[in-house]
Amino acid sequence: MTDNNFDVHEHENQLSISFELICLLKWILEHDSNKIKKIISKALHAGLNNEIQKNRSYGQDFSMEDVHNVLLDFFDMMEVLLIETLSEQAIKKALEKNLMPSIDRIDSSVCDEATVNFSIEKATLKAERDPKENIKKVLMEELLKRWKPRKKNILN
C-alpha cells in the first residue's frame, strides 16, 4: 500500500478509548506503577508464568486478530470498571451529602442512570468547592442541563 492509498480495513482494526480511560492510564503510569508491578508479580505466581512458558514451548503465535481482541477486551474491562467506580463514588458522596431522598424521587423512566450519576458527581463537586451552596438545588440544575427529553414521552 502506498502512502496515498486509503485502506478501509485498516480503520476497522483501530482502537478508540475514552478520555477518562486515557487519564486513568496516565495516572497509573505516573503514580501507581509499583501497584501494577505487584499485580504482575501476583499473576506470574498464580500461573501466568506457566502459561507463558507453555505457549513458548508449543511455538504458539498470536494472530493480529487475537492481539486486537485481547486489547479490546482489556480496555473494555478497564472502561467498565472505571465507570462502575465513578458511579459508586458519586453515590457515596451523595449519601454523605444527604442527597439520596432527592435522588430517589427522580423518575428513572424520564432520566437515565448515566445522566443522574453524572449530575450527582457535578453537584457534589460544586458543593465541595462552595459548602454554602444548596446541593439539592445544584443537583436539580445539573439534571436539567443534561436532561434530553424524548418527544414520545407524554410528560414532556
C-alpha atoms as a PDB file:
ATOM      1  CA  MET A   1       0.000   0.000   0.000  1.00  0.00           C
ATOM      2  CA  THR A   2       1.367   3.417  -0.896  1.00  0.00           C
ATOM      3  CA  ASP A   3       1.040   6.463   1.300  1.00  0.00           C
ATOM      4  CA  ASN A   4      -1.612   7.938  -0.995  1.00  0.00           C
ATOM      5  CA  ASN A   5      -3.949   4.939  -0.799  1.00  0.00           C
ATOM      6  CA  PHE A   6      -6.597   4.520   1.860  1.00  0.00           C
ATOM      7  CA  ASP A   7      -7.279   1.065   3.252  1.00  0.00           C
ATOM      8  CA  VAL A   8     -10.819   0.788   4.641  1.00  0.00           C
ATOM      9  CA  HIS A   9      -9.983  -2.404   6.536  1.00  0.00           C
ATOM     10  CA  GLU A  10      -7.135  -0.659   8.330  1.00  0.00           C
ATOM     11  CA  HIS A  11      -9.610   1.653  10.087  1.00  0.00           C
ATOM     12  CA  GLU A  12     -11.813  -1.253  11.137  1.00  0.00           C
ATOM     13  CA  ASN A  13      -8.936  -2.508  13.287  1.00  0.00           C
ATOM     14  CA  GLN A  14      -8.351   0.785  15.048  1.00  0.00           C
ATOM     15  CA  LEU A  15      -8.924   1.090  18.736  1.00  0.00           C
ATOM     16  CA  SER A  16     -10.610   4.053  20.377  1.00  0.00           C
ATOM     17  CA  ILE A  17     -10.710   4.695  24.111  1.00  0.00           C
ATOM     18  CA  SER A  18     -12.356   7.388  26.182  1.00  0.00           C
ATOM     19  CA  PHE A  19     -10.689  10.493  27.534  1.00  0.00           C
ATOM     20  CA  GLU A  20     -11.352   9.252  31.071  1.00  0.00           C
ATOM     21  CA  LEU A  21      -9.615   5.963  30.374  1.00  0.00           C
ATOM     22  CA  ILE A  22      -6.600   7.772  28.915  1.00  0.00           C
ATOM     23  CA  CYS A  23      -6.463   9.886  32.082  1.00  0.00           C
ATOM     24  CA  LEU A  24      -6.623   6.723  34.196  1.00  0.00           C
ATOM     25  CA  LEU A  25      -3.803   5.072  32.243  1.00  0.00           C
ATOM     26  CA  LYS A  26      -1.662   8.207  32.527  1.00  0.00           C
ATOM     27  CA  TRP A  27      -2.352   8.339  36.282  1.00  0.00           C
ATOM     28  CA  ILE A  28      -1.393   4.688  36.727  1.00  0.00           C
ATOM     29  CA  LEU A  29       1.838   5.238  34.803  1.00  0.00           C
ATOM     30  CA  GLU A  30       2.744   8.276  36.881  1.00  0.00           C
ATOM     31  CA  HIS A  31       1.525   7.236  40.336  1.00  0.00           C
ATOM     32  CA  ASP A  32       0.796   3.527  40.640  1.00  0.00           C
ATOM     33  CA  SER A  33       3.491   1.652  38.726  1.00  0.00           C
ATOM     34  CA  ASN A  34       4.503  -0.201  41.921  1.00  0.00           C
ATOM     35  CA  LYS A  35       0.937  -1.481  42.355  1.00  0.00           C
ATOM     36  CA  ILE A  36       0.905  -2.657  38.741  1.00  0.00           C
ATOM     37  CA  LYS A  37       4.208  -4.436  39.366  1.00  0.00           C
ATOM     38  CA  LYS A  38       2.596  -6.224  42.337  1.00  0.00           C
ATOM     39  CA  ILE A  39      -0.360  -7.273  40.152  1.00  0.00           C
ATOM     40  CA  ILE A  40       2.053  -8.631  37.544  1.00  0.00           C
ATOM     41  CA  SER A  41       4.032 -10.496  40.207  1.00  0.00           C
ATOM     42  CA  LYS A  42       0.836 -11.997  41.621  1.00  0.00           C
ATOM     43  CA  ALA A  43      -0.276 -13.063  38.128  1.00  0.00           C
ATOM     44  CA  LEU A  44       3.088 -14.713  37.472  1.00  0.00           C
ATOM     45  CA  HIS A  45       2.860 -16.666  40.726  1.00  0.00           C
ATOM     46  CA  ALA A  46      -0.776 -17.603  40.051  1.00  0.00           C
ATOM     47  CA  GLY A  47       0.002 -19.315  36.763  1.00  0.00           C
ATOM     48  CA  LEU A  48       0.811 -16.673  34.165  1.00  0.00           C
ATOM     49  CA  ASN A  49       4.456 -17.739  34.105  1.00  0.00           C
ATOM     50  CA  ASN A  50       3.435 -21.348  33.371  1.00  0.00           C
ATOM     51  CA  GLU A  51       1.077 -20.202  30.608  1.00  0.00           C
ATOM     52  CA  ILE A  52       3.823 -18.099  29.005  1.00  0.00           C
ATOM     53  CA  GLN A  53       6.280 -20.997  29.119  1.00  0.00           C
ATOM     54  CA  LYS A  54       3.684 -23.432  27.735  1.00  0.00           C
ATOM     55  CA  ASN A  55       2.844 -21.109  24.829  1.00  0.00           C
ATOM     56  CA  ARG A  56       6.547 -20.615  24.065  1.00  0.00           C
ATOM     57  CA  SER A  57       7.296 -24.325  24.110  1.00  0.00           C
ATOM     58  CA  TYR A  58       4.444 -25.067  21.700  1.00  0.00           C
ATOM     59  CA  GLY A  59       5.544 -22.188  19.477  1.00  0.00           C
ATOM     60  CA  GLN A  60       2.145 -20.577  19.736  1.00  0.00           C
ATOM     61  CA  ASP A  61       1.892 -17.266  17.958  1.00  0.00           C
ATOM     62  CA  PHE A  62      -0.936 -14.851  18.363  1.00  0.00           C
ATOM     63  CA  SER A  63      -2.669 -13.627  15.253  1.00  0.00           C
ATOM     64  CA  MET A  64      -3.278  -9.915  14.851  1.00  0.00           C
ATOM     65  CA  GLU A  65      -6.954 -10.646  15.442  1.00  0.00           C
ATOM     66  CA  ASP A  66      -6.128 -12.360  18.756  1.00  0.00           C
ATOM     67  CA  VAL A  67      -3.972  -9.421  19.837  1.00  0.00           C
ATOM     68  CA  HIS A  68      -6.658  -6.957  18.788  1.00  0.00           C
ATOM     69  CA  ASN A  69      -9.355  -8.883  20.694  1.00  0.00           C
ATOM     70  CA  VAL A  70      -7.249  -9.120  23.852  1.00  0.00           C
ATOM     71  CA  LEU A  71      -6.574  -5.376  23.772  1.00  0.00           C
ATOM     72  CA  LEU A  72     -10.240  -4.596  23.125  1.00  0.00           C
ATOM     73  CA  ASP A  73     -11.337  -6.861  25.975  1.00  0.00           C
ATOM     74  CA  PHE A  74      -8.766  -5.339  28.336  1.00  0.00           C
ATOM     75  CA  PHE A  75      -9.692  -1.744  27.580  1.00  0.00           C
ATOM     76  CA  ASP A  76     -13.396  -2.608  27.663  1.00  0.00           C
ATOM     77  CA  MET A  77     -12.940  -4.134  31.129  1.00  0.00           C
ATOM     78  CA  MET A  78     -10.967  -1.074  32.290  1.00  0.00           C
ATOM     79  CA  GLU A  79     -13.686   1.220  30.945  1.00  0.00           C
ATOM     80  CA  VAL A  80     -16.451  -0.736  32.700  1.00  0.00           C
ATOM     81  CA  LEU A  81     -14.526  -0.773  35.990  1.00  0.00           C
ATOM     82  CA  LEU A  82     -13.825   2.960  35.726  1.00  0.00           C
ATOM     83  CA  ILE A  83     -17.495   3.750  35.070  1.00  0.00           C
ATOM     84  CA  GLU A  84     -18.613   1.495  37.938  1.00  0.00           C
ATOM     85  CA  THR A  85     -16.114   3.099  40.319  1.00  0.00           C
ATOM     86  CA  LEU A  86     -17.092   6.635  39.299  1.00  0.00           C
ATOM     87  CA  SER A  87     -20.736   5.747  39.841  1.00  0.00           C
ATOM     88  CA  GLU A  88     -20.020   4.170  43.246  1.00  0.00           C
ATOM     89  CA  GLN A  89     -18.056   7.237  44.330  1.00  0.00           C
ATOM     90  CA  ALA A  90     -20.820   9.571  43.159  1.00  0.00           C
ATOM     91  CA  ILE A  91     -23.386   7.603  45.154  1.00  0.00           C
ATOM     92  CA  LYS A  92     -21.107   7.560  48.204  1.00  0.00           C
ATOM     93  CA  LYS A  93     -20.718  11.335  48.007  1.00  0.00           C
ATOM     94  CA  ALA A  94     -24.476  11.705  47.555  1.00  0.00           C
ATOM     95  CA  LEU A  95     -25.050   9.656  50.701  1.00  0.00           C
ATOM     96  CA  GLU A  96     -22.580  11.831  52.584  1.00  0.00           C
ATOM     97  CA  LYS A  97     -24.421  14.954  51.428  1.00  0.00           C
ATOM     98  CA  ASN A  98     -27.871  13.520  52.245  1.00  0.00           C
ATOM     99  CA  LEU A  99     -28.955  13.646  48.610  1.00  0.00           C
ATOM    100  CA  MET A 100     -30.484  10.177  48.463  1.00  0.00           C
ATOM    101  CA  PRO A 101     -34.058  11.295  49.240  1.00  0.00           C
ATOM    102  CA  SER A 102     -33.864  13.744  46.331  1.00  0.00           C
ATOM    103  CA  ILE A 103     -32.264  11.166  44.047  1.00  0.00           C
ATOM    104  CA  ASP A 104     -34.914   8.569  44.923  1.00  0.00           C
ATOM    105  CA  ARG A 105     -37.596  10.967  43.671  1.00  0.00           C
ATOM    106  CA  ILE A 106     -36.086  11.133  40.159  1.00  0.00           C
ATOM    107  CA  ASP A 107     -38.193   9.137  37.723  1.00  0.00           C
ATOM    108  CA  SER A 108     -35.848   6.651  36.013  1.00  0.00           C
ATOM    109  CA  SER A 109     -38.206   6.375  33.038  1.00  0.00           C
ATOM    110  CA  VAL A 110     -37.646  10.066  32.311  1.00  0.00           C
ATOM    111  CA  CYS A 111     -33.987  10.470  33.267  1.00  0.00           C
ATOM    112  CA  ASP A 112     -31.439   7.705  32.634  1.00  0.00           C
ATOM    113  CA  GLU A 113     -28.934   6.456  35.214  1.00  0.00           C
ATOM    114  CA  ALA A 114     -25.880   7.876  33.436  1.00  0.00           C
ATOM    115  CA  THR A 115     -27.385  11.383  33.453  1.00  0.00           C
ATOM    116  CA  VAL A 116     -28.301  11.088  37.125  1.00  0.00           C
ATOM    117  CA  ASN A 117     -24.842   9.795  38.093  1.00  0.00           C
ATOM    118  CA  PHE A 118     -23.024  12.485  36.145  1.00  0.00           C
ATOM    119  CA  SER A 119     -25.287  15.148  37.661  1.00  0.00           C
ATOM    120  CA  ILE A 120     -24.643  13.799  41.166  1.00  0.00           C
ATOM    121  CA  GLU A 121     -20.915  13.930  40.511  1.00  0.00           C
ATOM    122  CA  LYS A 122     -21.064  17.529  39.258  1.00  0.00           C
ATOM    123  CA  ALA A 123     -23.319  18.634  42.123  1.00  0.00           C
ATOM    124  CA  THR A 124     -21.109  17.101  44.807  1.00  0.00           C
ATOM    125  CA  LEU A 125     -18.008  18.663  43.244  1.00  0.00           C
ATOM    126  CA  LYS A 126     -19.671  22.089  43.260  1.00  0.00           C
ATOM    127  CA  ALA A 127     -20.777  21.581  46.865  1.00  0.00           C
ATOM    128  CA  GLU A 128     -17.224  20.672  47.875  1.00  0.00           C
ATOM    129  CA  ARG A 129     -15.916  23.870  46.279  1.00  0.00           C
ATOM    130  CA  ASP A 130     -18.638  26.022  47.837  1.00  0.00           C
ATOM    131  CA  PRO A 131     -20.104  24.497  51.032  1.00  0.00           C
ATOM    132  CA  LYS A 132     -22.720  27.297  51.263  1.00  0.00           C
ATOM    133  CA  GLU A 133     -24.276  26.112  48.009  1.00  0.00           C
ATOM    134  CA  ASN A 134     -27.660  24.347  48.272  1.00  0.00           C
ATOM    135  CA  ILE A 135     -26.659  20.914  46.974  1.00  0.00           C
ATOM    136  CA  LYS A 136     -30.216  19.771  46.206  1.00  0.00           C
ATOM    137  CA  LYS A 137     -30.767  22.859  44.064  1.00  0.00           C
ATOM    138  CA  VAL A 138     -27.424  22.325  42.317  1.00  0.00           C
ATOM    139  CA  LEU A 139     -28.327  18.688  41.645  1.00  0.00           C
ATOM    140  CA  MET A 140     -31.609  19.681  40.028  1.00  0.00           C
ATOM    141  CA  GLU A 141     -29.847  22.342  37.928  1.00  0.00           C
ATOM    142  CA  GLU A 142     -27.283  19.786  36.782  1.00  0.00           C
ATOM    143  CA  LEU A 143     -30.040  17.315  35.905  1.00  0.00           C
ATOM    144  CA  LEU A 144     -31.867  19.933  33.858  1.00  0.00           C
ATOM    145  CA  LYS A 145     -28.665  20.840  31.992  1.00  0.00           C
ATOM    146  CA  ARG A 146     -28.140  17.244  30.917  1.00  0.00           C
ATOM    147  CA  TRP A 147     -31.717  16.034  30.540  1.00  0.00           C
ATOM    148  CA  LYS A 148     -32.678  15.250  26.963  1.00  0.00           C
ATOM    149  CA  PRO A 149     -36.439  14.792  26.817  1.00  0.00           C
ATOM    150  CA  ARG A 150     -37.864  12.215  24.451  1.00  0.00           C
ATOM    151  CA  LYS A 151     -40.580  13.504  22.133  1.00  0.00           C
ATOM    152  CA  LYS A 152     -42.757  10.436  22.654  1.00  0.00           C
ATOM    153  CA  ASN A 153     -42.897  10.945  26.414  1.00  0.00           C
ATOM    154  CA  ILE A 154     -46.227  12.452  27.432  1.00  0.00           C
ATOM    155  CA  LEU A 155     -44.655  14.247  30.421  1.00  0.00           C
ATOM    156  CA  ASN A 156     -42.526  16.476  28.201  1.00  0.00           C
END
